[in-house]
C-alpha atoms as a PDB file:
ATOM      1  CA  MET A   1     182.935-104.405 239.794  1.00  0.00           C
ATOM      2  CA  LEU A   2     179.538-104.762 240.713  1.00  0.00           C
ATOM      3  CA  ASP A   3     177.726-107.884 240.339  1.00  0.00           C
ATOM      4  CA  LEU A   4     174.083-107.938 239.363  1.00  0.00           C
ATOM      5  CA  HIS A   5     172.681-108.260 242.811  1.00  0.00           C
ATOM      6  CA  GLU A   6     174.673-105.213 244.067  1.00  0.00           C
ATOM      7  CA  ALA A   7     173.683-103.220 240.640  1.00  0.00           C
ATOM      8  CA  ILE A   8     170.199-104.155 241.424  1.00  0.00           C
ATOM      9  CA  ARG A   9     170.323-102.814 245.084  1.00  0.00           C
ATOM     10  CA  GLY A  10     171.589 -99.543 243.726  1.00  0.00           C
ATOM     11  CA  LEU A  11     167.952 -99.031 242.431  1.00  0.00           C
ATOM     12  CA  ARG A  12     166.864 -98.624 246.076  1.00  0.00           C
ATOM     13  CA  PHE A  13     168.263 -94.993 245.990  1.00  0.00           C
ATOM     14  CA  ALA A  14     166.756 -94.225 242.359  1.00  0.00           C
ATOM     15  CA  PRO A  15     164.863 -90.676 242.430  1.00  0.00           C
ATOM     16  CA  GLU A  16     161.916 -92.567 241.025  1.00  0.00           C
ATOM     17  CA  ALA A  17     159.474 -95.100 242.351  1.00  0.00           C
ATOM     18  CA  LEU A  18     160.862 -98.314 240.805  1.00  0.00           C
ATOM     19  CA  ALA A  19     160.344-101.832 241.653  1.00  0.00           C
ATOM     20  CA  VAL A  20     162.268-105.034 240.285  1.00  0.00           C
ATOM     21  CA  LEU A  21     160.152-108.138 240.164  1.00  0.00           C
ATOM     22  CA  ASP A  22     161.852-111.789 239.447  1.00  0.00           C
ATOM     23  CA  ALA A  23     160.516-114.590 237.367  1.00  0.00           C
ATOM     24  CA  ASN A  24     158.024-115.537 240.089  1.00  0.00           C
ATOM     25  CA  ARG A  25     156.990-111.833 240.262  1.00  0.00           C
ATOM     26  CA  GLN A  26     158.237-111.448 243.697  1.00  0.00           C
ATOM     27  CA  VAL A  27     159.814-108.122 244.580  1.00  0.00           C
ATOM     28  CA  ARG A  28     163.525-108.413 244.590  1.00  0.00           C
ATOM     29  CA  VAL A  29     164.327-104.467 245.098  1.00  0.00           C
ATOM     30  CA  ILE A  30     162.042-101.653 245.546  1.00  0.00           C
ATOM     31  CA  SER A  31     163.077 -97.893 245.597  1.00  0.00           C
ATOM     32  CA  ARG A  32     162.478 -95.426 248.627  1.00  0.00           C
ATOM     33  CA  GLN A  33     160.000 -93.592 246.441  1.00  0.00           C
ATOM     34  CA  ALA A  34     157.958 -96.596 245.672  1.00  0.00           C
ATOM     35  CA  ASP A  35     157.754 -97.276 249.580  1.00  0.00           C
ATOM     36  CA  ARG A  36     156.281 -93.673 249.788  1.00  0.00           C
ATOM     37  CA  LEU A  37     153.928 -94.292 247.105  1.00  0.00           C
ATOM     38  CA  PHE A  38     152.675 -97.536 248.614  1.00  0.00           C
ATOM     39  CA  GLY A  39     153.011 -96.231 252.159  1.00  0.00           C
ATOM     40  CA  VAL A  40     154.474 -99.678 253.148  1.00  0.00           C
ATOM     41  CA  PRO A  41     158.127-100.181 254.143  1.00  0.00           C
ATOM     42  CA  ALA A  42     160.341-102.440 251.994  1.00  0.00           C
ATOM     43  CA  ALA A  43     160.777-104.984 254.509  1.00  0.00           C
ATOM     44  CA  ASP A  44     157.222-105.757 254.170  1.00  0.00           C
ATOM     45  CA  ILE A  45     157.216-105.829 250.138  1.00  0.00           C
ATOM     46  CA  VAL A  46     160.503-107.470 249.103  1.00  0.00           C
ATOM     47  CA  GLY A  47     160.266-111.180 248.765  1.00  0.00           C
ATOM     48  CA  ARG A  48     156.588-111.156 248.343  1.00  0.00           C
ATOM     49  CA  THR A  49     154.241-110.479 245.491  1.00  0.00           C
ATOM     50  CA  THR A  50     152.591-107.140 244.663  1.00  0.00           C
ATOM     51  CA  SER A  51     149.097-108.454 244.640  1.00  0.00           C
ATOM     52  CA  HIS A  52     148.272-106.902 248.236  1.00  0.00           C
ATOM     53  CA  LEU A  53     149.585-103.533 247.108  1.00  0.00           C
ATOM     54  CA  TRP A  54     147.176-102.923 244.348  1.00  0.00           C
ATOM     55  CA  ALA A  55     143.479-102.182 244.540  1.00  0.00           C
ATOM     56  CA  GLU A  56     141.020-104.791 243.223  1.00  0.00           C
ATOM     57  CA  ASP A  57     140.209-102.845 240.179  1.00  0.00           C
ATOM     58  CA  ALA A  58     143.760-102.070 239.355  1.00  0.00           C
ATOM     59  CA  GLN A  59     145.056-105.784 239.611  1.00  0.00           C
ATOM     60  CA  VAL A  60     143.781-107.069 236.310  1.00  0.00           C
ATOM     61  CA  ALA A  61     145.618-104.255 234.335  1.00  0.00           C
ATOM     62  CA  PHE A  62     148.831-104.985 236.470  1.00  0.00           C
ATOM     63  CA  ARG A  63     148.934-108.386 235.513  1.00  0.00           C
ATOM     64  CA  LEU A  64     147.994-107.854 231.949  1.00  0.00           C
ATOM     65  CA  ALA A  65     150.828-105.191 231.613  1.00  0.00           C
ATOM     66  CA  LEU A  66     153.361-107.840 233.099  1.00  0.00           C
ATOM     67  CA  ASN A  67     152.048-110.436 230.721  1.00  0.00           C
ATOM     68  CA  GLU A  68     152.370-108.319 227.725  1.00  0.00           C
ATOM     69  CA  ALA A  69     155.916-107.136 228.632  1.00  0.00           C
ATOM     70  CA  ALA A  70     156.955-110.679 228.701  1.00  0.00           C
ATOM     71  CA  GLN A  71     155.291-111.588 225.374  1.00  0.00           C
ATOM     72  CA  ARG A  72     157.122-108.436 223.598  1.00  0.00           C
ATOM     73  CA  ILE A  73     160.504-109.610 225.032  1.00  0.00           C
ATOM     74  CA  GLY A  74     159.674-113.015 223.756  1.00  0.00           C
ATOM     75  CA  HIS A  75     159.934-111.870 220.073  1.00  0.00           C
ATOM     76  CA  ALA A  76     162.733-109.482 220.290  1.00  0.00           C
ATOM     77  CA  ASP A  77     165.910-108.915 222.310  1.00  0.00           C
ATOM     78  CA  THR A  78     164.889-105.559 223.078  1.00  0.00           C
ATOM     79  CA  ALA A  79     161.136-104.333 223.279  1.00  0.00           C
ATOM     80  CA  ALA A  80     159.313-101.163 223.927  1.00  0.00           C
ATOM     81  CA  PRO A  81     158.002-101.066 227.403  1.00  0.00           C
ATOM     82  CA  VAL A  82     154.374-101.449 228.386  1.00  0.00           C
ATOM     83  CA  ILE A  83     152.880 -98.300 229.746  1.00  0.00           C
ATOM     84  CA  ARG A  84     149.421 -98.339 231.686  1.00  0.00           C
ATOM     85  CA  ARG A  85     147.527 -95.951 233.625  1.00  0.00           C
ATOM     86  CA  LEU A  86     146.150 -97.713 236.853  1.00  0.00           C
ATOM     87  CA  LYS A  87     143.023 -96.053 238.080  1.00  0.00           C
ATOM     88  CA  ALA A  88     141.978 -96.847 241.499  1.00  0.00           C
ATOM     89  CA  THR A  89     139.614 -95.062 244.047  1.00  0.00           C
ATOM     90  CA  THR A  90     142.536 -93.692 246.178  1.00  0.00           C
ATOM     91  CA  THR A  91     144.961 -92.659 243.331  1.00  0.00           C
ATOM     92  CA  VAL A  92     145.870 -92.625 239.629  1.00  0.00           C
ATOM     93  CA  LEU A  93     149.156 -94.198 238.613  1.00  0.00           C
ATOM     94  CA  ASP A  94     151.196 -94.295 235.416  1.00  0.00           C
ATOM     95  CA  MET A  95     153.126 -97.455 235.217  1.00  0.00           C
ATOM     96  CA  CYS A  96     155.874 -98.551 232.608  1.00  0.00           C
ATOM     97  CA  VAL A  97     156.824-102.074 232.481  1.00  0.00           C
ATOM     98  CA  SER A  98     159.941-103.421 230.957  1.00  0.00           C
ATOM     99  CA  ALA A  99     160.634-107.087 230.692  1.00  0.00           C
ATOM    100  CA  TRP A 100     164.271-108.233 230.299  1.00  0.00           C
ATOM    101  CA  HIS A 101     166.348-111.409 230.660  1.00  0.00           C
ATOM    102  CA  PRO A 102     168.946-111.964 233.284  1.00  0.00           C
ATOM    103  CA  THR A 103     171.319-113.930 230.885  1.00  0.00           C
ATOM    104  CA  ASP A 104     172.131-113.715 227.327  1.00  0.00           C
ATOM    105  CA  ASP A 105     171.039-117.131 226.451  1.00  0.00           C
ATOM    106  CA  PRO A 106     167.536-117.429 227.533  1.00  0.00           C
ATOM    107  CA  MET A 107     165.740-120.828 227.608  1.00  0.00           C
ATOM    108  CA  TYR A 108     163.215-121.195 224.529  1.00  0.00           C
ATOM    109  CA  ALA A 109     159.891-122.910 224.638  1.00  0.00           C
ATOM    110  CA  THR A 110     160.809-124.591 221.391  1.00  0.00           C
ATOM    111  CA  SER A 111     164.037-126.579 221.226  1.00  0.00           C
ATOM    112  CA  LYS A 112     166.756-126.063 218.380  1.00  0.00           C
ATOM    113  CA  SER A 113     165.591-128.426 215.755  1.00  0.00           C
ATOM    114  CA  PRO A 114     167.831-130.253 213.123  1.00  0.00           C
ATOM    115  CA  VAL A 115     168.436-128.723 209.921  1.00  0.00           C
ATOM    116  CA  ASN A 116     166.209-130.897 207.886  1.00  0.00           C
ATOM    117  CA  ALA A 117     162.972-130.183 210.237  1.00  0.00           C
ATOM    118  CA  LEU A 118     160.334-127.708 209.516  1.00  0.00           C
ATOM    119  CA  SER A 119     161.314-124.245 211.133  1.00  0.00           C
ATOM    120  CA  ALA A 120     158.999-123.302 213.930  1.00  0.00           C
ATOM    121  CA  PRO A 121     159.350-119.908 215.620  1.00  0.00           C
ATOM    122  CA  ARG A 122     161.365-120.027 218.559  1.00  0.00           C
ATOM    123  CA  THR A 123     159.481-118.101 221.494  1.00  0.00           C
ATOM    124  CA  ILE A 124     161.350-117.269 224.817  1.00  0.00           C
ATOM    125  CA  MET A 125     159.628-118.785 227.962  1.00  0.00           C
ATOM    126  CA  ILE A 126     157.724-116.063 229.722  1.00  0.00           C
ATOM    127  CA  HIS A 127     158.582-117.304 233.061  1.00  0.00           C
ATOM    128  CA  GLU A 128     162.210-116.418 232.484  1.00  0.00           C
ATOM    129  CA  CYS A 129     161.636-112.709 232.686  1.00  0.00           C
ATOM    130  CA  ILE A 130     162.679-110.258 235.102  1.00  0.00           C
ATOM    131  CA  TYR A 131     160.628-107.156 235.239  1.00  0.00           C
ATOM    132  CA  THR A 132     161.460-103.378 235.929  1.00  0.00           C
ATOM    133  CA  ILE A 133     158.550-101.223 236.808  1.00  0.00           C
ATOM    134  CA  SER A 134     158.555 -97.617 237.091  1.00  0.00           C
ATOM    135  CA  MET A 135     155.550 -95.830 238.716  1.00  0.00           C
ATOM    136  CA  ARG A 136     154.345 -92.056 238.897  1.00  0.00           C
ATOM    137  CA  ASP A 137     151.452 -90.923 241.087  1.00  0.00           C
ATOM    138  CA  VAL A 138     149.462 -88.514 238.443  1.00  0.00           C
ATOM    139  CA  GLY A 139     146.623 -88.349 241.149  1.00  0.00           C
ATOM    140  CA  SER A 140     148.495 -86.327 243.731  1.00  0.00           C
ATOM    141  CA  ARG A 141     149.189 -83.576 241.436  1.00  0.00           C
ATOM    142  CA  ARG A 142     145.459 -83.310 240.868  1.00  0.00           C
ATOM    143  CA  ASN A 143     144.804 -83.590 244.442  1.00  0.00           C
ATOM    144  CA  SER A 144     147.308 -80.839 245.355  1.00  0.00           C
ATOM    145  CA  HIS A 145     146.007 -78.473 242.635  1.00  0.00           C
ATOM    146  CA  SER A 146     142.227 -78.809 244.195  1.00  0.00           C
ATOM    147  CA  GLU A 147     143.603 -78.528 247.671  1.00  0.00           C
ATOM    148  CA  ARG A 148     145.505 -75.230 246.789  1.00  0.00           C
ATOM    149  CA  LYS A 149     142.319 -74.162 245.182  1.00  0.00           C
ATOM    150  CA  ASN A 150     140.205 -74.627 248.176  1.00  0.00           C
ATOM    151  CA  GLN A 151     142.860 -72.988 250.537  1.00  0.00           C
ATOM    152  CA  LEU A 152     142.870 -69.934 248.324  1.00  0.00           C
ATOM    153  CA  ASP A 153     139.058 -69.858 248.545  1.00  0.00           C
ATOM    154  CA  ARG A 154     139.330 -69.778 252.379  1.00  0.00           C
ATOM    155  CA  LEU A 155     141.885 -66.887 252.394  1.00  0.00           C
ATOM    156  CA  HIS A 156     140.987 -63.231 253.460  1.00  0.00           C
ATOM    157  CA  PRO A 157     143.033 -60.129 252.823  1.00  0.00           C
ATOM    158  CA  VAL A 158     145.201 -59.027 255.298  1.00  0.00           C
ATOM    159  CA  ASP A 159     146.831 -55.893 256.158  1.00  0.00           C
ATOM    160  CA  GLU A 160     150.481 -56.684 254.723  1.00  0.00           C
ATOM    161  CA  GLY A 161     149.195 -58.362 251.358  1.00  0.00           C
ATOM    162  CA  VAL A 162     146.788 -60.514 249.573  1.00  0.00           C
ATOM    163  CA  VAL A 163     147.172 -63.854 247.532  1.00  0.00           C
ATOM    164  CA  SER A 164     146.436 -63.093 243.919  1.00  0.00           C
ATOM    165  CA  PRO A 165     144.081 -65.779 242.712  1.00  0.00           C
ATOM    166  CA  THR A 166     145.285 -65.151 238.887  1.00  0.00           C
ATOM    167  CA  SER A 167     148.760 -66.515 240.112  1.00  0.00           C
ATOM    168  CA  LEU A 168     147.423 -69.988 240.649  1.00  0.00           C
ATOM    169  CA  SER A 169     148.589 -72.678 238.098  1.00  0.00           C
ATOM    170  CA  LEU A 170     148.976 -76.462 238.269  1.00  0.00           C
ATOM    171  CA  TYR A 171     152.729 -76.376 238.764  1.00  0.00           C
ATOM    172  CA  GLU A 172     153.495 -73.164 240.535  1.00  0.00           C
ATOM    173  CA  PRO A 173     152.677 -71.708 244.060  1.00  0.00           C
ATOM    174  CA  PRO A 174     150.738 -68.549 244.278  1.00  0.00           C
ATOM    175  CA  THR A 175     152.476 -65.044 244.283  1.00  0.00           C
ATOM    176  CA  LEU A 176     152.045 -62.548 247.009  1.00  0.00           C
ATOM    177  CA  SER A 177     151.299 -59.284 246.210  1.00  0.00           C
ATOM    178  CA  ILE A 178     152.107 -56.705 249.065  1.00  0.00           C
ATOM    179  CA  PRO A 179     150.749 -53.155 248.719  1.00  0.00           C
ATOM    180  CA  THR A 180     153.351 -50.472 248.376  1.00  0.00           C
ATOM    181  CA  HIS A 181     153.797 -47.089 249.902  1.00  0.00           C
ATOM    182  CA  PRO A 182     151.320 -44.067 248.571  1.00  0.00           C
ATOM    183  CA  GLY A 183     154.287 -42.702 246.743  1.00  0.00           C
ATOM    184  CA  CYS A 184     155.197 -45.865 244.837  1.00  0.00           C
ATOM    185  CA  ASP A 185     153.560 -46.805 241.304  1.00  0.00           C
ATOM    186  CA  THR A 186     154.619 -50.534 241.287  1.00  0.00           C
ATOM    187  CA  PRO A 187     153.636 -53.251 243.635  1.00  0.00           C
ATOM    188  CA  ASN A 188     156.311 -55.496 245.404  1.00  0.00           C
ATOM    189  CA  ILE A 189     155.646 -59.123 244.371  1.00  0.00           C
ATOM    190  CA  ILE A 190     157.025 -61.950 246.769  1.00  0.00           C
ATOM    191  CA  LEU A 191     157.600 -65.353 245.111  1.00  0.00           C
ATOM    192  CA  PRO A 192     157.880 -68.260 247.465  1.00  0.00           C
END
């Protein structure tokens, strides 16, 4: 049976860019995809805060998302994640933050009161949260589409075939149409 630490380490091999932050907002685990996204090895990230990873204009939005996720979990056992788009000069990143508690009996900001006292809402202390962050780089899709379009503009017809400009779409590579023999009516199309 896996303990919590081993289970969190399993996130390292997740196919998505994930990070787990502890109550002090220091990185406990970061996936390989997040390593690639930030361009920094996990050894340089784990045990530190993520403030050095975010662009100046995205740091405020990141901290706000963490605070909002912590407040949401403070009012319910399960809460919807906080979704933010961080726009920086280098990339555009979609981020989803979920806050959760490592125990079933979290600490409360207000103590349990006697039966005859006035009831006060019991809020969970925000600093008891652990954060799971999922990230997706949406800027690279835009960049790769514009790069493909620029490459297409520079191509010239060749003897064997020509790249069809109508075959360019956001998610598909271009198709290559090869001229056929004079006796054939249908062109040969090669898909990569």
